[in-house]
N, C-alpha and C. Protein backbone atom coordinates (compact mmCIF):
# COMPACT_ATOMS: atom_id res chain seq x y z
N MET A 1 9.11 0.04 8.74
CA MET A 1 9.58 -1.34 8.80
C MET A 1 9.21 -2.04 7.50
N ASP A 2 10.10 -2.89 7.02
CA ASP A 2 9.75 -3.62 5.81
C ASP A 2 8.95 -4.86 6.13
N LEU A 3 8.54 -5.46 5.07
CA LEU A 3 7.72 -6.66 5.17
C LEU A 3 8.52 -7.81 5.78
N LEU A 4 9.82 -7.86 5.50
CA LEU A 4 10.67 -8.92 6.04
C LEU A 4 10.72 -8.87 7.56
N LYS A 5 10.82 -7.69 8.13
CA LYS A 5 10.87 -7.57 9.59
C LYS A 5 9.56 -8.01 10.22
N ILE A 6 8.46 -7.66 9.59
CA ILE A 6 7.16 -8.10 10.11
C ILE A 6 7.05 -9.62 10.03
N PHE A 7 7.53 -10.19 8.94
CA PHE A 7 7.54 -11.65 8.80
C PHE A 7 8.40 -12.31 9.87
N ILE A 8 9.55 -11.72 10.17
CA ILE A 8 10.44 -12.27 11.21
C ILE A 8 9.75 -12.23 12.57
N VAL A 9 9.06 -11.15 12.88
CA VAL A 9 8.33 -11.05 14.15
C VAL A 9 7.26 -12.14 14.23
N ILE A 10 6.50 -12.33 13.16
CA ILE A 10 5.45 -13.35 13.16
C ILE A 10 6.04 -14.74 13.27
N LEU A 11 7.15 -15.00 12.58
CA LEU A 11 7.80 -16.31 12.67
C LEU A 11 8.32 -16.57 14.08
N ASN A 12 8.92 -15.58 14.71
CA ASN A 12 9.39 -15.74 16.09
C ASN A 12 8.24 -16.01 17.04
N ILE A 13 7.14 -15.31 16.86
CA ILE A 13 5.97 -15.55 17.70
C ILE A 13 5.48 -16.97 17.54
N PHE A 14 5.42 -17.45 16.30
CA PHE A 14 4.96 -18.81 16.04
C PHE A 14 5.87 -19.84 16.72
N ILE A 15 7.16 -19.69 16.57
CA ILE A 15 8.11 -20.63 17.17
C ILE A 15 8.05 -20.59 18.69
N LEU A 16 8.05 -19.40 19.27
CA LEU A 16 8.00 -19.28 20.73
C LEU A 16 6.69 -19.81 21.30
N THR A 17 5.59 -19.57 20.61
CA THR A 17 4.30 -20.04 21.10
C THR A 17 4.23 -21.55 21.10
N ASN A 18 4.71 -22.17 20.04
CA ASN A 18 4.69 -23.63 19.99
C ASN A 18 5.60 -24.23 21.05
N SER A 19 6.75 -23.63 21.27
CA SER A 19 7.66 -24.11 22.32
C SER A 19 7.02 -23.96 23.69
N TYR A 20 6.40 -22.81 23.93
CA TYR A 20 5.74 -22.55 25.21
C TYR A 20 4.61 -23.55 25.43
N LYS A 21 3.86 -23.83 24.37
CA LYS A 21 2.75 -24.78 24.48
C LYS A 21 3.25 -26.18 24.83
N LEU A 22 4.34 -26.60 24.23
CA LEU A 22 4.87 -27.94 24.50
C LEU A 22 5.48 -28.05 25.89
N ILE A 23 6.19 -27.02 26.31
CA ILE A 23 6.88 -27.08 27.60
C ILE A 23 5.91 -26.92 28.76
N CYS A 24 5.00 -25.96 28.67
CA CYS A 24 4.16 -25.60 29.82
C CYS A 24 2.75 -26.17 29.78
N ARG A 25 2.36 -26.77 28.68
CA ARG A 25 0.98 -27.26 28.52
C ARG A 25 0.00 -26.13 28.83
N ALA A 26 0.17 -25.05 28.11
CA ALA A 26 -0.60 -23.83 28.35
C ALA A 26 -2.01 -23.92 27.77
N THR A 27 -2.91 -23.20 28.38
CA THR A 27 -4.27 -23.11 27.87
C THR A 27 -4.33 -22.08 26.74
N LYS A 28 -5.48 -22.00 26.08
CA LYS A 28 -5.63 -21.03 24.98
C LYS A 28 -5.46 -19.60 25.48
N LYS A 29 -6.01 -19.31 26.65
CA LYS A 29 -5.91 -17.95 27.20
C LYS A 29 -4.45 -17.59 27.49
N GLU A 30 -3.71 -18.52 28.09
CA GLU A 30 -2.30 -18.26 28.40
C GLU A 30 -1.49 -18.06 27.12
N ARG A 31 -1.78 -18.87 26.10
CA ARG A 31 -1.07 -18.72 24.83
C ARG A 31 -1.39 -17.37 24.18
N PHE A 32 -2.64 -16.94 24.26
CA PHE A 32 -3.01 -15.64 23.70
C PHE A 32 -2.27 -14.52 24.41
N LEU A 33 -2.20 -14.58 25.73
CA LEU A 33 -1.47 -13.56 26.49
C LEU A 33 0.02 -13.59 26.15
N PHE A 34 0.57 -14.78 26.01
CA PHE A 34 1.97 -14.93 25.65
C PHE A 34 2.24 -14.35 24.26
N ILE A 35 1.37 -14.66 23.30
CA ILE A 35 1.51 -14.13 21.94
C ILE A 35 1.45 -12.60 21.96
N SER A 36 0.50 -12.06 22.70
CA SER A 36 0.35 -10.61 22.77
C SER A 36 1.59 -9.95 23.36
N TRP A 37 2.08 -10.52 24.44
CA TRP A 37 3.25 -9.97 25.11
C TRP A 37 4.47 -10.01 24.20
N ILE A 38 4.71 -11.13 23.54
CA ILE A 38 5.85 -11.27 22.64
C ILE A 38 5.72 -10.31 21.46
N PHE A 39 4.52 -10.19 20.91
CA PHE A 39 4.32 -9.29 19.78
C PHE A 39 4.62 -7.84 20.16
N ILE A 40 4.15 -7.43 21.31
CA ILE A 40 4.40 -6.06 21.77
C ILE A 40 5.89 -5.83 22.00
N LEU A 41 6.55 -6.76 22.67
CA LEU A 41 7.98 -6.60 22.93
C LEU A 41 8.80 -6.56 21.65
N GLN A 42 8.54 -7.48 20.73
CA GLN A 42 9.31 -7.49 19.50
C GLN A 42 9.03 -6.27 18.63
N SER A 43 7.81 -5.80 18.64
CA SER A 43 7.49 -4.60 17.87
C SER A 43 8.22 -3.38 18.44
N VAL A 44 8.23 -3.27 19.75
CA VAL A 44 8.94 -2.15 20.39
C VAL A 44 10.43 -2.21 20.06
N VAL A 45 11.02 -3.38 20.13
CA VAL A 45 12.44 -3.52 19.82
C VAL A 45 12.71 -3.18 18.36
N GLU A 46 11.89 -3.68 17.45
CA GLU A 46 12.07 -3.37 16.03
C GLU A 46 11.95 -1.88 15.77
N ILE A 47 10.98 -1.23 16.37
CA ILE A 47 10.79 0.21 16.18
C ILE A 47 11.96 0.98 16.78
N PHE A 48 12.44 0.55 17.94
CA PHE A 48 13.59 1.20 18.57
C PHE A 48 14.80 1.13 17.65
N PHE A 49 15.12 -0.05 17.13
CA PHE A 49 16.28 -0.18 16.25
C PHE A 49 16.07 0.55 14.93
N TYR A 50 14.84 0.63 14.48
CA TYR A 50 14.55 1.39 13.27
C TYR A 50 14.91 2.86 13.46
N PHE A 51 14.52 3.43 14.61
CA PHE A 51 14.81 4.84 14.86
C PHE A 51 16.28 5.06 15.18
N VAL A 52 16.93 4.10 15.80
CA VAL A 52 18.35 4.24 16.12
C VAL A 52 19.18 4.29 14.83
N PHE A 53 18.85 3.43 13.88
CA PHE A 53 19.62 3.35 12.65
C PHE A 53 19.01 4.18 11.52
N LEU A 54 18.13 5.09 11.85
CA LEU A 54 17.46 5.91 10.85
C LEU A 54 18.41 6.89 10.18
N HIS A 55 19.34 7.41 10.94
CA HIS A 55 20.23 8.43 10.38
C HIS A 55 21.11 7.80 9.35
C-alpha cells in the first residue's frame, strides 16, 4: 500500500470519529473502540482491493 492510501484511511478515521463524537456524545473508551473497528475494517478493505488489482 502506498502512503496515500494510509493517509486516506487515517483521514477517514478522523472524520468518522469526530462525527460519531458529535452525534452520539461518546466517551473516550467508545471512541477508541470505534477508531479501532474502523481502522481494522478499512485496512482489510484496502488490502483486499490491493490483492484483487495486483495482477
